[in-house]
Amino acid sequence: MAGFLLGAVLLIVQPQIVPSRPAINTKAETSSQSVQRDLLKKTSPRNDFKENIHSNGSCQQLPHTIIIGVRKGGTRALLEMLSLHPDIAAAENEVHFFDWEDHYRNGLQWYINQMPFSYPHQITMEKTPAYFTSPKVPERVYNMNQSMRLLLILRDPSERVLSDYTQVFYNHMQKHKPYPSIEQFLVKDGELNVDYKAINRSLYYVHMQNWLKYFPLDHIHIVDGDKLIKDPFPEIEKVERFLKLSPQINASNFYFNKTKGFYCLRDSGRERCLHESKGRAHPQIDTRLLEKLHEYFHEPNKKFFDLVDRTFDWH
């Protein structure tokens, strides 16, 4: 009997993904809020928990889903596309709760305060690309919610390296600061500089192994970032199914902008594109050096494919 009661308690405590537009159940809703309140009281370093409930019935709550990465993989595009769905409530900015010590020490009450107000039928979501490559993050997310659904968007590792460099390069340019050429980062003593941080971030199998210590593979949906750029709708359909959302986003929500060179969004007659910082041209790089980069990632990519039982069209 004790074992049965313990199992029942665990089933109640672990937050679950809320199905799209369920029938209103006030009793169940109150129970869920009570569980979250108890969790916050236990984990907050200060006993100052306040329920952030709006008069319209919406409230701030812990995320049901997190986009964990990868940096320069298309996380912003994925978040913007998913925000087309009426049952998604997404935090606007990267929260960096689990990877920045100053933020993590603030406790879950601080974390929940960074979330958008959402209704009971909505899925609350945040995205912080640095989570995927941060060693401490998987365990911390697991300690918060063992049944968390995770979204990971990946691109060809070589292309991701170039995008990584491009972002940092433009950040320096905007501040009128000089920045070395990409060759100065990629080459060391005539060989490929495998200590370059951007290369390490593209060793997907290394970081994925860390996440799989805590979460089963069926709790991590991998979005093909290269396909999302070329044809976003099929990839978004897969995410809707993974999150158990009703199919609300359709092909008409996307249109190709010839000027920008990538897909933009159309929602209720309004059109919008990603920030101008997206889709920037990569630096010119020597063909032989690019081939070295492709060769270097060949074995790590194979290891990743074996790990996730899936292949991608990467060099």
Foldseek 3Di string as FASTA:
>chain_A
DVVVVVVVVVVLLFDAQFAAPDDDDPVNVVSNVVSQQVLQCVWAPDNPADWAADPVAWGQGDALEEAQAAVQQCPVVLVVQVVLDPQEFEQPDADCQQQDPVNVNRTVSSVSVSWDTHHPNHGTYYYDNCRLVRLRNLVVVCVSHLLRAYEYEHEFLLVQLLLVVLLVCVVCVVVVHHDDDVCVQQDDPRHGDCVRVSNVSSLNLVSVVSNCVRHPLLSYHYAHSVVCFVQNAVSVVVVCVSSNYDPDDDRVQWDADVVLGTIWGAHPNDTDHDDPSPSDDGDDDDPVSSVSSQVVCPVSQVSVCVVNVHHDPHD
